[in-house]
Amino acid sequence: MRTPHLRDTTFALFLALASFALPSPAAGTDKGDAAKAEPIVNSVCAACHGADGNSPIPANPSLAGQHSSYIYKQLSDYKAGRRKNAVMSGMVSNLSDSDMRNLAAYFAAQKPQPGTAQDRMLAAIGQKLYRGGVSDSGVPACSGCHSPNGAGIPTQFPRLAGQHRDYTSAQLQSFRSGERDNDANAMMRTIAGRLSDKEITALSDYISGLR
């Protein structure tokens, strides 16, 4: 009888977790009005995330082309204190539910600018991790949830392609430490907890060049 490989067992567990970790399809799916979001974007969001959602600051995420359901969830989590960041908590404090849906629709409709990996050697390591995971430590392939080209899956998993290396790295480290804990069933915390510093850097570099 064939003994299940660690990777097989981990992947099966990961899929089971994923089935419970997906946001409710109803969350954030009411269509927002992108036009109504423009005044808020120009006065509140643009300085950090760019008027077109392509952030000029590596530490801040680009939002252009991100799934509206994911943006809405993150804004809601900041407002409710489920995701903690002093700057963002202040920014969302006066936003209504409609404002958040409108902002989500606005940024989802923007065209993302392609990024470029900074280090060829690191990106090659990151590519292997992203596509194949790490069997010895039970890390599943990122592509299984975020798709091979980093486009993600609407209402389920966020778009990663072209995201700033610094931001992605910071989020993986935050998941690993438990500082960020708004992932259902601790799915990302479990995965990031099995990644080394070098693996996080390599993944972040590869993701920044995905398109």
N, C-alpha and C. Protein backbone atom coordinates (compact mmCIF):
# COMPACT_ATOMS: atom_id res chain seq x y z
N MET A 1 0.85 -1.21 0.00
CA MET A 1 0.00 0.00 0.00
C MET A 1 0.88 1.25 0.00
N ARG A 2 0.52 2.19 -0.82
CA ARG A 2 1.31 3.42 -0.94
C ARG A 2 1.10 4.30 0.29
N THR A 3 2.18 4.73 0.90
CA THR A 3 2.10 5.64 2.04
C THR A 3 1.94 7.05 1.53
N PRO A 4 0.95 7.78 2.00
CA PRO A 4 0.74 9.14 1.50
C PRO A 4 1.97 10.00 1.77
N HIS A 5 2.38 10.72 0.78
CA HIS A 5 3.51 11.65 0.91
C HIS A 5 3.05 12.86 1.70
N LEU A 6 3.96 13.46 2.42
CA LEU A 6 3.63 14.65 3.22
C LEU A 6 2.97 15.71 2.38
N ARG A 7 3.47 15.85 1.15
CA ARG A 7 2.91 16.89 0.29
C ARG A 7 1.46 16.57 -0.07
N ASP A 8 1.17 15.29 -0.31
CA ASP A 8 -0.20 14.89 -0.63
C ASP A 8 -1.13 15.21 0.53
N THR A 9 -0.69 14.83 1.75
CA THR A 9 -1.51 15.05 2.92
C THR A 9 -1.72 16.53 3.18
N THR A 10 -0.64 17.30 3.05
CA THR A 10 -0.74 18.74 3.30
C THR A 10 -1.64 19.40 2.28
N PHE A 11 -1.52 18.99 1.03
CA PHE A 11 -2.34 19.61 -0.01
C PHE A 11 -3.82 19.30 0.21
N ALA A 12 -4.11 18.07 0.63
CA ALA A 12 -5.50 17.70 0.91
C ALA A 12 -6.03 18.55 2.07
N LEU A 13 -5.21 18.72 3.10
CA LEU A 13 -5.61 19.54 4.24
C LEU A 13 -5.82 20.98 3.80
N PHE A 14 -4.92 21.46 2.95
CA PHE A 14 -5.01 22.83 2.47
C PHE A 14 -6.31 23.07 1.71
N LEU A 15 -6.68 22.11 0.86
CA LEU A 15 -7.92 22.25 0.11
C LEU A 15 -9.13 22.25 1.04
N ALA A 16 -9.05 21.42 2.07
CA ALA A 16 -10.15 21.38 3.03
C ALA A 16 -10.28 22.72 3.76
N LEU A 17 -9.14 23.27 4.15
CA LEU A 17 -9.15 24.57 4.80
C LEU A 17 -9.68 25.64 3.86
N ALA A 18 -9.24 25.57 2.60
CA ALA A 18 -9.64 26.59 1.63
C ALA A 18 -11.15 26.62 1.45
N SER A 19 -11.77 25.47 1.49
CA SER A 19 -13.21 25.42 1.27
C SER A 19 -13.97 26.17 2.36
N PHE A 20 -13.35 26.26 3.54
CA PHE A 20 -13.99 27.00 4.63
C PHE A 20 -13.48 28.43 4.72
N ALA A 21 -12.35 28.71 4.07
CA ALA A 21 -11.72 30.02 4.22
C ALA A 21 -12.21 31.05 3.24
N LEU A 22 -12.91 30.63 2.21
CA LEU A 22 -13.33 31.57 1.19
C LEU A 22 -14.35 32.55 1.73
N PRO A 23 -14.21 33.83 1.38
CA PRO A 23 -15.21 34.80 1.81
C PRO A 23 -16.57 34.43 1.24
N SER A 24 -17.60 34.81 1.95
CA SER A 24 -18.95 34.56 1.44
C SER A 24 -19.12 35.27 0.11
N PRO A 25 -19.64 34.59 -0.92
CA PRO A 25 -19.84 35.24 -2.21
C PRO A 25 -20.66 36.50 -2.12
N ALA A 26 -21.50 36.61 -1.09
CA ALA A 26 -22.35 37.78 -0.96
C ALA A 26 -21.58 38.99 -0.46
N ALA A 27 -20.40 38.72 0.18
CA ALA A 27 -19.65 39.82 0.79
C ALA A 27 -19.06 40.72 -0.28
N GLY A 28 -19.52 41.95 -0.31
CA GLY A 28 -18.93 42.93 -1.21
C GLY A 28 -19.31 42.77 -2.66
N THR A 29 -20.30 41.93 -2.97
CA THR A 29 -20.63 41.72 -4.38
C THR A 29 -21.68 42.70 -4.88
N ASP A 30 -22.35 43.45 -3.99
CA ASP A 30 -23.25 44.50 -4.46
C ASP A 30 -22.42 45.49 -5.24
N LYS A 31 -22.81 45.76 -6.46
CA LYS A 31 -22.00 46.60 -7.31
C LYS A 31 -21.95 48.02 -6.80
N GLY A 32 -20.74 48.52 -6.61
CA GLY A 32 -20.58 49.90 -6.21
C GLY A 32 -20.58 50.80 -7.43
N ASP A 33 -20.60 52.10 -7.20
CA ASP A 33 -20.58 53.09 -8.26
C ASP A 33 -19.20 53.73 -8.29
N ALA A 34 -18.41 53.36 -9.28
CA ALA A 34 -17.03 53.84 -9.36
C ALA A 34 -16.96 55.36 -9.46
N ALA A 35 -17.88 55.96 -10.17
CA ALA A 35 -17.87 57.41 -10.35
C ALA A 35 -18.03 58.13 -9.02
N LYS A 36 -18.85 57.59 -8.15
CA LYS A 36 -19.08 58.22 -6.85
C LYS A 36 -17.85 58.13 -5.95
N ALA A 37 -16.94 57.22 -6.27
CA ALA A 37 -15.74 57.05 -5.44
C ALA A 37 -14.65 58.06 -5.78
N GLU A 38 -14.72 58.68 -6.94
CA GLU A 38 -13.63 59.54 -7.39
C GLU A 38 -13.27 60.66 -6.41
N PRO A 39 -14.24 61.37 -5.83
CA PRO A 39 -13.86 62.42 -4.87
C PRO A 39 -13.07 61.87 -3.67
N ILE A 40 -13.46 60.67 -3.21
CA ILE A 40 -12.75 60.06 -2.08
C ILE A 40 -11.36 59.62 -2.50
N VAL A 41 -11.26 59.05 -3.69
CA VAL A 41 -9.96 58.63 -4.20
C VAL A 41 -9.01 59.81 -4.27
N ASN A 42 -9.47 60.90 -4.84
CA ASN A 42 -8.61 62.07 -5.04
C ASN A 42 -8.22 62.74 -3.74
N SER A 43 -9.10 62.74 -2.77
CA SER A 43 -8.82 63.44 -1.52
C SER A 43 -8.19 62.57 -0.44
N VAL A 44 -8.41 61.25 -0.52
CA VAL A 44 -7.96 60.37 0.56
C VAL A 44 -6.97 59.30 0.11
N CYS A 45 -7.26 58.63 -1.00
CA CYS A 45 -6.53 57.42 -1.38
C CYS A 45 -5.31 57.65 -2.28
N ALA A 46 -5.40 58.66 -3.14
CA ALA A 46 -4.42 58.81 -4.23
C ALA A 46 -2.99 58.99 -3.75
N ALA A 47 -2.78 59.68 -2.65
CA ALA A 47 -1.42 59.96 -2.19
C ALA A 47 -0.64 58.68 -1.90
N CYS A 48 -1.32 57.67 -1.40
CA CYS A 48 -0.64 56.41 -1.05
C CYS A 48 -0.79 55.31 -2.09
N HIS A 49 -1.95 55.30 -2.77
CA HIS A 49 -2.23 54.19 -3.69
C HIS A 49 -2.28 54.61 -5.15
N GLY A 50 -2.09 55.90 -5.43
CA GLY A 50 -2.17 56.38 -6.80
C GLY A 50 -3.60 56.63 -7.22
N ALA A 51 -3.82 57.68 -7.99
CA ALA A 51 -5.17 57.99 -8.44
C ALA A 51 -5.75 56.88 -9.30
N ASP A 52 -4.86 56.15 -9.98
CA ASP A 52 -5.31 55.04 -10.83
C ASP A 52 -5.11 53.69 -10.15
N GLY A 53 -4.80 53.72 -8.86
CA GLY A 53 -4.63 52.47 -8.12
C GLY A 53 -3.27 51.84 -8.23
N ASN A 54 -2.35 52.45 -9.00
CA ASN A 54 -0.99 51.93 -9.11
C ASN A 54 -0.11 52.73 -8.14
N SER A 55 0.13 52.15 -7.00
CA SER A 55 0.83 52.85 -5.93
C SER A 55 2.25 53.24 -6.33
N PRO A 56 2.63 54.51 -6.08
CA PRO A 56 3.99 54.96 -6.36
C PRO A 56 4.95 54.64 -5.22
N ILE A 57 4.42 54.09 -4.13
CA ILE A 57 5.22 53.83 -2.93
C ILE A 57 5.31 52.32 -2.70
N PRO A 58 6.51 51.74 -2.75
CA PRO A 58 6.66 50.28 -2.64
C PRO A 58 6.08 49.67 -1.37
N ALA A 59 6.00 50.46 -0.30
CA ALA A 59 5.46 49.93 0.96
C ALA A 59 3.94 49.87 0.96
N ASN A 60 3.30 50.55 0.00
CA ASN A 60 1.84 50.58 -0.07
C ASN A 60 1.35 49.75 -1.25
N PRO A 61 0.26 49.03 -1.07
CA PRO A 61 -0.19 48.14 -2.14
C PRO A 61 -0.78 48.87 -3.34
N SER A 62 -0.53 48.33 -4.51
CA SER A 62 -1.26 48.76 -5.69
C SER A 62 -2.62 48.07 -5.66
N LEU A 63 -3.66 48.82 -5.95
CA LEU A 63 -5.02 48.31 -5.89
C LEU A 63 -5.66 48.13 -7.26
N ALA A 64 -5.04 48.67 -8.29
CA ALA A 64 -5.60 48.60 -9.64
C ALA A 64 -5.80 47.15 -10.07
N GLY A 65 -7.02 46.85 -10.51
CA GLY A 65 -7.32 45.51 -11.00
C GLY A 65 -7.58 44.48 -9.92
N GLN A 66 -7.47 44.89 -8.65
CA GLN A 66 -7.76 43.94 -7.56
C GLN A 66 -9.26 43.63 -7.54
N HIS A 67 -9.62 42.44 -7.13
CA HIS A 67 -11.02 42.05 -7.10
C HIS A 67 -11.79 42.95 -6.13
N SER A 68 -12.93 43.43 -6.57
CA SER A 68 -13.70 44.36 -5.74
C SER A 68 -14.10 43.72 -4.41
N SER A 69 -14.42 42.43 -4.43
CA SER A 69 -14.83 41.75 -3.20
C SER A 69 -13.69 41.74 -2.18
N TYR A 70 -12.46 41.59 -2.66
CA TYR A 70 -11.31 41.57 -1.75
C TYR A 70 -11.07 42.96 -1.17
N ILE A 71 -11.12 43.99 -2.01
CA ILE A 71 -10.92 45.36 -1.53
C ILE A 71 -11.98 45.71 -0.50
N TYR A 72 -13.22 45.37 -0.81
CA TYR A 72 -14.32 45.65 0.12
C TYR A 72 -14.09 44.96 1.47
N LYS A 73 -13.68 43.71 1.42
CA LYS A 73 -13.43 42.97 2.67
C LYS A 73 -12.34 43.62 3.49
N GLN A 74 -11.24 44.02 2.83
CA GLN A 74 -10.13 44.62 3.58
C GLN A 74 -10.55 45.96 4.20
N LEU A 75 -11.28 46.78 3.45
CA LEU A 75 -11.76 48.04 4.00
C LEU A 75 -12.69 47.79 5.19
N SER A 76 -13.56 46.81 5.04
CA SER A 76 -14.48 46.46 6.12
C SER A 76 -13.72 45.97 7.35
N ASP A 77 -12.68 45.17 7.10
CA ASP A 77 -11.88 44.65 8.22
C ASP A 77 -11.13 45.76 8.94
N TYR A 78 -10.60 46.72 8.18
CA TYR A 78 -9.95 47.87 8.83
C TYR A 78 -10.95 48.63 9.68
N LYS A 79 -12.12 48.86 9.14
CA LYS A 79 -13.14 49.64 9.85
C LYS A 79 -13.59 48.92 11.12
N ALA A 80 -13.69 47.61 11.06
CA ALA A 80 -14.16 46.83 12.20
C ALA A 80 -13.03 46.45 13.16
N GLY A 81 -11.79 46.78 12.79
CA GLY A 81 -10.66 46.44 13.66
C GLY A 81 -10.16 45.02 13.50
N ARG A 82 -10.67 44.31 12.49
CA ARG A 82 -10.20 42.94 12.25
C ARG A 82 -8.84 42.93 11.56
N ARG A 83 -8.51 44.02 10.87
CA ARG A 83 -7.17 44.19 10.31
C ARG A 83 -6.64 45.51 10.86
N LYS A 84 -5.44 45.48 11.42
CA LYS A 84 -4.96 46.61 12.17
C LYS A 84 -3.86 47.37 11.44
N ASN A 85 -4.08 48.65 11.26
CA ASN A 85 -3.10 49.56 10.71
C ASN A 85 -3.56 50.96 11.08
N ALA A 86 -2.73 51.67 11.81
CA ALA A 86 -3.15 52.97 12.34
C ALA A 86 -3.58 53.94 11.24
N VAL A 87 -2.83 53.96 10.14
CA VAL A 87 -3.14 54.89 9.05
C VAL A 87 -4.46 54.50 8.40
N MET A 88 -4.59 53.22 8.02
CA MET A 88 -5.81 52.80 7.33
C MET A 88 -7.03 52.86 8.24
N SER A 89 -6.85 52.58 9.51
CA SER A 89 -7.99 52.67 10.42
C SER A 89 -8.55 54.08 10.46
N GLY A 90 -7.64 55.06 10.44
CA GLY A 90 -8.09 56.44 10.40
C GLY A 90 -8.75 56.80 9.09
N MET A 91 -8.22 56.27 8.00
CA MET A 91 -8.76 56.59 6.68
C MET A 91 -10.18 56.07 6.48
N VAL A 92 -10.46 54.90 7.03
CA VAL A 92 -11.77 54.28 6.79
C VAL A 92 -12.81 54.66 7.83
N SER A 93 -12.39 55.33 8.89
CA SER A 93 -13.30 55.59 10.01
C SER A 93 -14.58 56.32 9.60
N ASN A 94 -14.47 57.20 8.62
CA ASN A 94 -15.64 57.98 8.20
C ASN A 94 -16.30 57.45 6.93
N LEU A 95 -15.85 56.31 6.45
CA LEU A 95 -16.43 55.74 5.23
C LEU A 95 -17.70 54.96 5.55
N SER A 96 -18.71 55.14 4.74
CA SER A 96 -19.92 54.34 4.86
C SER A 96 -19.75 53.03 4.11
N ASP A 97 -20.68 52.12 4.30
CA ASP A 97 -20.62 50.85 3.57
C ASP A 97 -20.67 51.13 2.06
N SER A 98 -21.50 52.07 1.65
CA SER A 98 -21.59 52.42 0.22
C SER A 98 -20.28 53.00 -0.29
N ASP A 99 -19.64 53.83 0.53
CA ASP A 99 -18.34 54.38 0.14
C ASP A 99 -17.34 53.26 -0.13
N MET A 100 -17.32 52.28 0.74
CA MET A 100 -16.36 51.19 0.59
C MET A 100 -16.66 50.36 -0.65
N ARG A 101 -17.92 50.13 -0.93
CA ARG A 101 -18.28 49.38 -2.13
C ARG A 101 -17.93 50.19 -3.39
N ASN A 102 -18.13 51.50 -3.32
CA ASN A 102 -17.81 52.35 -4.46
C ASN A 102 -16.30 52.37 -4.71
N LEU A 103 -15.53 52.46 -3.64
CA LEU A 103 -14.07 52.44 -3.78
C LEU A 103 -13.59 51.11 -4.35
N ALA A 104 -14.20 50.04 -3.88
CA ALA A 104 -13.83 48.71 -4.38
C ALA A 104 -14.10 48.61 -5.88
N ALA A 105 -15.25 49.13 -6.31
CA ALA A 105 -15.59 49.10 -7.73
C ALA A 105 -14.63 49.98 -8.54
N TYR A 106 -14.26 51.12 -7.98
CA TYR A 106 -13.36 52.05 -8.68
C TYR A 106 -11.99 51.41 -8.93
N PHE A 107 -11.38 50.91 -7.88
CA PHE A 107 -10.03 50.36 -8.03
C PHE A 107 -10.01 49.07 -8.84
N ALA A 108 -11.08 48.28 -8.72
CA ALA A 108 -11.16 47.05 -9.52
C ALA A 108 -11.20 47.35 -11.00
N ALA A 109 -11.73 48.51 -11.36
CA ALA A 109 -11.87 48.88 -12.77
C ALA A 109 -10.62 49.51 -13.36
N GLN A 110 -9.63 49.82 -12.52
CA GLN A 110 -8.42 50.46 -13.02
C GLN A 110 -7.47 49.43 -13.64
N LYS A 111 -6.65 49.87 -14.56
CA LYS A 111 -5.72 48.97 -15.24
C LYS A 111 -4.40 48.87 -14.48
N PRO A 112 -4.02 47.68 -14.05
CA PRO A 112 -2.77 47.54 -13.31
C PRO A 112 -1.55 47.67 -14.23
N GLN A 113 -0.53 48.34 -13.73
CA GLN A 113 0.71 48.45 -14.48
C GLN A 113 1.59 47.24 -14.17
N PRO A 114 2.21 46.65 -15.17
CA PRO A 114 3.06 45.47 -14.92
C PRO A 114 4.29 45.84 -14.10
N GLY A 115 4.71 44.93 -13.25
CA GLY A 115 5.90 45.14 -12.45
C GLY A 115 7.07 44.33 -12.99
N THR A 116 8.21 44.45 -12.33
CA THR A 116 9.41 43.75 -12.76
C THR A 116 10.15 43.20 -11.54
N ALA A 117 10.54 41.95 -11.60
CA ALA A 117 11.33 41.37 -10.51
C ALA A 117 12.68 42.06 -10.45
N GLN A 118 13.24 42.18 -9.25
CA GLN A 118 14.49 42.90 -9.08
C GLN A 118 15.72 42.02 -9.16
N ASP A 119 15.58 40.74 -8.81
CA ASP A 119 16.73 39.85 -8.71
C ASP A 119 16.41 38.55 -9.44
N ARG A 120 17.13 38.28 -10.51
CA ARG A 120 16.83 37.10 -11.34
C ARG A 120 16.97 35.80 -10.56
N MET A 121 18.01 35.70 -9.73
CA MET A 121 18.23 34.48 -8.96
C MET A 121 17.10 34.26 -7.95
N LEU A 122 16.74 35.32 -7.24
CA LEU A 122 15.66 35.21 -6.26
C LEU A 122 14.34 34.90 -6.95
N ALA A 123 14.09 35.54 -8.07
CA ALA A 123 12.84 35.32 -8.79
C ALA A 123 12.73 33.87 -9.25
N ALA A 124 13.84 33.25 -9.62
CA ALA A 124 13.82 31.85 -10.04
C ALA A 124 13.44 30.94 -8.88
N ILE A 125 13.96 31.26 -7.69
CA ILE A 125 13.58 30.49 -6.50
C ILE A 125 12.11 30.72 -6.19
N GLY A 126 11.69 31.98 -6.30
CA GLY A 126 10.30 32.31 -6.04
C GLY A 126 9.35 31.63 -7.00
N GLN A 127 9.77 31.51 -8.25
CA GLN A 127 8.93 30.84 -9.24
C GLN A 127 8.67 29.38 -8.85
N LYS A 128 9.70 28.70 -8.39
CA LYS A 128 9.54 27.30 -7.98
C LYS A 128 8.60 27.19 -6.78
N LEU A 129 8.75 28.13 -5.85
CA LEU A 129 7.88 28.12 -4.68
C LEU A 129 6.43 28.41 -5.08
N TYR A 130 6.27 29.41 -5.92
CA TYR A 130 4.93 29.83 -6.33
C TYR A 130 4.22 28.72 -7.10
N ARG A 131 4.93 28.06 -7.97
CA ARG A 131 4.31 27.04 -8.82
C ARG A 131 4.25 25.66 -8.19
N GLY A 132 5.24 25.34 -7.33
CA GLY A 132 5.30 23.99 -6.81
C GLY A 132 5.24 23.84 -5.31
N GLY A 133 5.31 24.94 -4.57
CA GLY A 133 5.29 24.85 -3.12
C GLY A 133 6.59 24.26 -2.58
N VAL A 134 6.54 23.83 -1.34
CA VAL A 134 7.71 23.21 -0.68
C VAL A 134 7.21 21.95 0.01
N SER A 135 7.46 20.80 -0.59
CA SER A 135 6.91 19.55 -0.07
C SER A 135 7.45 19.22 1.32
N ASP A 136 8.74 19.48 1.56
CA ASP A 136 9.34 19.11 2.83
C ASP A 136 8.73 19.85 4.01
N SER A 137 8.32 21.08 3.79
CA SER A 137 7.74 21.86 4.89
C SER A 137 6.23 22.01 4.78
N GLY A 138 5.65 21.34 3.79
CA GLY A 138 4.20 21.34 3.66
C GLY A 138 3.60 22.64 3.18
N VAL A 139 4.33 23.37 2.34
CA VAL A 139 3.82 24.62 1.79
C VAL A 139 3.21 24.35 0.42
N PRO A 140 1.92 24.60 0.23
CA PRO A 140 1.29 24.36 -1.06
C PRO A 140 1.69 25.41 -2.09
N ALA A 141 1.53 25.10 -3.35
CA ALA A 141 1.82 26.06 -4.41
C ALA A 141 0.88 27.25 -4.33
N CYS A 142 1.44 28.44 -4.40
CA CYS A 142 0.62 29.67 -4.37
C CYS A 142 -0.33 29.71 -5.55
N SER A 143 0.12 29.15 -6.68
CA SER A 143 -0.68 29.20 -7.91
C SER A 143 -2.01 28.47 -7.77
N GLY A 144 -2.10 27.54 -6.81
CA GLY A 144 -3.33 26.80 -6.62
C GLY A 144 -4.50 27.69 -6.24
N CYS A 145 -4.22 28.77 -5.51
CA CYS A 145 -5.28 29.68 -5.09
C CYS A 145 -5.23 31.02 -5.82
N HIS A 146 -4.02 31.46 -6.13
CA HIS A 146 -3.88 32.80 -6.73
C HIS A 146 -3.70 32.75 -8.24
N SER A 147 -3.79 31.53 -8.81
CA SER A 147 -3.70 31.25 -10.24
C SER A 147 -2.26 31.36 -10.74
N PRO A 148 -1.92 30.63 -11.79
CA PRO A 148 -0.54 30.63 -12.29
C PRO A 148 0.00 32.00 -12.68
N ASN A 149 -0.87 32.88 -13.17
CA ASN A 149 -0.41 34.22 -13.58
C ASN A 149 -0.65 35.28 -12.52
N GLY A 150 -1.06 34.85 -11.33
CA GLY A 150 -1.24 35.78 -10.23
C GLY A 150 -2.53 36.57 -10.27
N ALA A 151 -3.47 36.19 -11.15
CA ALA A 151 -4.72 36.93 -11.28
C ALA A 151 -5.69 36.68 -10.15
N GLY A 152 -5.46 35.62 -9.37
CA GLY A 152 -6.36 35.30 -8.28
C GLY A 152 -7.70 34.77 -8.79
N ILE A 153 -8.63 34.61 -7.86
CA ILE A 153 -9.96 34.12 -8.20
C ILE A 153 -10.98 35.05 -7.57
N PRO A 154 -11.79 35.74 -8.35
CA PRO A 154 -12.77 36.68 -7.79
C PRO A 154 -13.64 36.05 -6.70
N THR A 155 -13.89 36.81 -5.65
CA THR A 155 -14.67 36.45 -4.46
C THR A 155 -13.98 35.38 -3.61
N GLN A 156 -12.80 34.92 -4.03
CA GLN A 156 -12.14 33.87 -3.28
C GLN A 156 -10.72 34.26 -2.86
N PHE A 157 -9.84 34.51 -3.84
CA PHE A 157 -8.45 34.81 -3.51
C PHE A 157 -7.98 36.04 -4.29
N PRO A 158 -7.19 36.90 -3.64
CA PRO A 158 -6.81 38.17 -4.27
C PRO A 158 -5.81 38.04 -5.41
N ARG A 159 -5.84 39.04 -6.26
CA ARG A 159 -4.84 39.19 -7.31
C ARG A 159 -3.50 39.54 -6.66
N LEU A 160 -2.42 38.92 -7.13
CA LEU A 160 -1.08 39.20 -6.62
C LEU A 160 -0.15 39.78 -7.68
N ALA A 161 -0.43 39.51 -8.93
CA ALA A 161 0.49 39.86 -10.02
C ALA A 161 0.88 41.32 -10.00
N GLY A 162 2.20 41.58 -10.03
CA GLY A 162 2.71 42.93 -10.13
C GLY A 162 2.71 43.71 -8.82
N GLN A 163 2.31 43.06 -7.74
CA GLN A 163 2.28 43.76 -6.46
C GLN A 163 3.69 44.11 -6.01
N HIS A 164 3.86 45.23 -5.35
CA HIS A 164 5.18 45.65 -4.88
C HIS A 164 5.83 44.57 -4.03
N ARG A 165 7.10 44.33 -4.29
CA ARG A 165 7.86 43.34 -3.53
C ARG A 165 7.86 43.68 -2.04
N ASP A 166 8.09 44.94 -1.71
CA ASP A 166 8.16 45.33 -0.30
C ASP A 166 6.85 45.07 0.42
N TYR A 167 5.75 45.38 -0.25
CA TYR A 167 4.45 45.19 0.39
C TYR A 167 4.14 43.71 0.58
N THR A 168 4.35 42.91 -0.44
CA THR A 168 4.08 41.48 -0.33
C THR A 168 4.91 40.85 0.76
N SER A 169 6.19 41.20 0.79
CA SER A 169 7.08 40.67 1.82
C SER A 169 6.59 41.04 3.22
N ALA A 170 6.19 42.29 3.39
CA ALA A 170 5.72 42.75 4.69
C ALA A 170 4.46 42.00 5.13
N GLN A 171 3.56 41.72 4.17
CA GLN A 171 2.33 41.02 4.52
C GLN A 171 2.60 39.57 4.88
N LEU A 172 3.49 38.92 4.16
CA LEU A 172 3.83 37.53 4.49
C LEU A 172 4.48 37.45 5.86
N GLN A 173 5.35 38.41 6.16
CA GLN A 173 5.97 38.45 7.49
C GLN A 173 4.93 38.72 8.57
N SER A 174 3.97 39.58 8.25
CA SER A 174 2.92 39.90 9.22
C SER A 174 2.02 38.71 9.48
N PHE A 175 1.70 37.95 8.42
CA PHE A 175 0.94 36.72 8.60
C PHE A 175 1.74 35.72 9.43
N ARG A 176 3.03 35.62 9.13
CA ARG A 176 3.89 34.65 9.82
C ARG A 176 3.96 34.94 11.32
N SER A 177 4.05 36.21 11.67
CA SER A 177 4.14 36.58 13.08
C SER A 177 2.79 36.57 13.79
N GLY A 178 1.71 36.55 13.00
CA GLY A 178 0.38 36.61 13.58
C GLY A 178 -0.13 38.02 13.78
N GLU A 179 0.69 39.01 13.41
CA GLU A 179 0.27 40.40 13.53
C GLU A 179 -0.94 40.68 12.64
N ARG A 180 -0.91 40.10 11.45
CA ARG A 180 -2.09 40.17 10.58
C ARG A 180 -2.85 38.87 10.73
N ASP A 181 -4.11 38.97 11.14
CA ASP A 181 -4.87 37.76 11.43
C ASP A 181 -6.29 37.79 10.89
N ASN A 182 -6.49 38.50 9.78
CA ASN A 182 -7.84 38.55 9.21
C ASN A 182 -8.03 37.54 8.08
N ASP A 183 -7.24 36.48 8.11
CA ASP A 183 -7.38 35.38 7.16
C ASP A 183 -8.23 34.28 7.80
N ALA A 184 -9.27 33.87 7.12
CA ALA A 184 -10.18 32.86 7.66
C ALA A 184 -9.46 31.56 7.92
N ASN A 185 -9.73 30.97 9.08
CA ASN A 185 -9.14 29.69 9.47
C ASN A 185 -7.61 29.73 9.51
N ALA A 186 -7.05 30.93 9.64
CA ALA A 186 -5.59 31.10 9.76
C ALA A 186 -4.84 30.48 8.59
N MET A 187 -5.47 30.45 7.42
CA MET A 187 -4.85 29.77 6.28
C MET A 187 -3.53 30.40 5.88
N MET A 188 -3.51 31.73 5.71
CA MET A 188 -2.26 32.38 5.32
C MET A 188 -1.25 32.38 6.46
N ARG A 189 -1.72 32.46 7.69
CA ARG A 189 -0.79 32.38 8.83
C ARG A 189 -0.10 31.03 8.88
N THR A 190 -0.85 29.98 8.57
CA THR A 190 -0.27 28.64 8.57
C THR A 190 0.78 28.49 7.48
N ILE A 191 0.46 28.99 6.29
CA ILE A 191 1.40 28.87 5.17
C ILE A 191 2.63 29.73 5.40
N ALA A 192 2.42 31.01 5.75
CA ALA A 192 3.55 31.91 5.96
C ALA A 192 4.44 31.46 7.11
N GLY A 193 3.84 30.80 8.08
CA GLY A 193 4.60 30.31 9.22
C GLY A 193 5.61 29.25 8.85
N ARG A 194 5.47 28.67 7.67
CA ARG A 194 6.39 27.63 7.21
C ARG A 194 7.43 28.16 6.22
N LEU A 195 7.40 29.47 5.98
CA LEU A 195 8.33 30.07 5.03
C LEU A 195 9.50 30.73 5.75
N SER A 196 10.69 30.58 5.20
CA SER A 196 11.87 31.25 5.74
C SER A 196 11.93 32.68 5.22
N ASP A 197 12.81 33.48 5.79
CA ASP A 197 12.98 34.85 5.32
C ASP A 197 13.36 34.87 3.84
N LYS A 198 14.26 33.98 3.44
CA LYS A 198 14.70 33.95 2.05
C LYS A 198 13.56 33.55 1.13
N GLU A 199 12.75 32.59 1.56
CA GLU A 199 11.61 32.17 0.73
C GLU A 199 10.59 33.29 0.58
N ILE A 200 10.36 34.04 1.64
CA ILE A 200 9.43 35.17 1.56
C ILE A 200 9.96 36.22 0.59
N THR A 201 11.25 36.51 0.67
CA THR A 201 11.85 37.50 -0.23
C THR A 201 11.78 37.02 -1.68
N ALA A 202 12.07 35.73 -1.89
CA ALA A 202 12.06 35.18 -3.24
C ALA A 202 10.66 35.20 -3.83
N LEU A 203 9.68 34.79 -3.05
CA LEU A 203 8.29 34.80 -3.51
C LEU A 203 7.84 36.22 -3.85
N SER A 204 8.18 37.15 -2.98
CA SER A 204 7.77 38.55 -3.18
C SER A 204 8.38 39.12 -4.44
N ASP A 205 9.63 38.75 -4.71
CA ASP A 205 10.31 39.25 -5.90
C ASP A 205 9.67 38.66 -7.16
N TYR A 206 9.39 37.37 -7.14
CA TYR A 206 8.76 36.73 -8.30
C TYR A 206 7.37 37.30 -8.56
N ILE A 207 6.59 37.46 -7.51
CA ILE A 207 5.23 37.98 -7.64
C ILE A 207 5.23 39.38 -8.25
N SER A 208 6.23 40.18 -7.89
CA SER A 208 6.28 41.55 -8.41
C SER A 208 6.42 41.59 -9.93
N GLY A 209 6.97 40.53 -10.50
CA GLY A 209 7.13 40.49 -11.95
C GLY A 209 6.09 39.66 -12.68
N LEU A 210 5.16 39.07 -11.94
CA LEU A 210 4.10 38.26 -12.56
C LEU A 210 3.18 39.15 -13.39
N ARG A 211 2.74 38.63 -14.53
CA ARG A 211 1.80 39.39 -15.36
C ARG A 211 1.03 38.44 -16.27
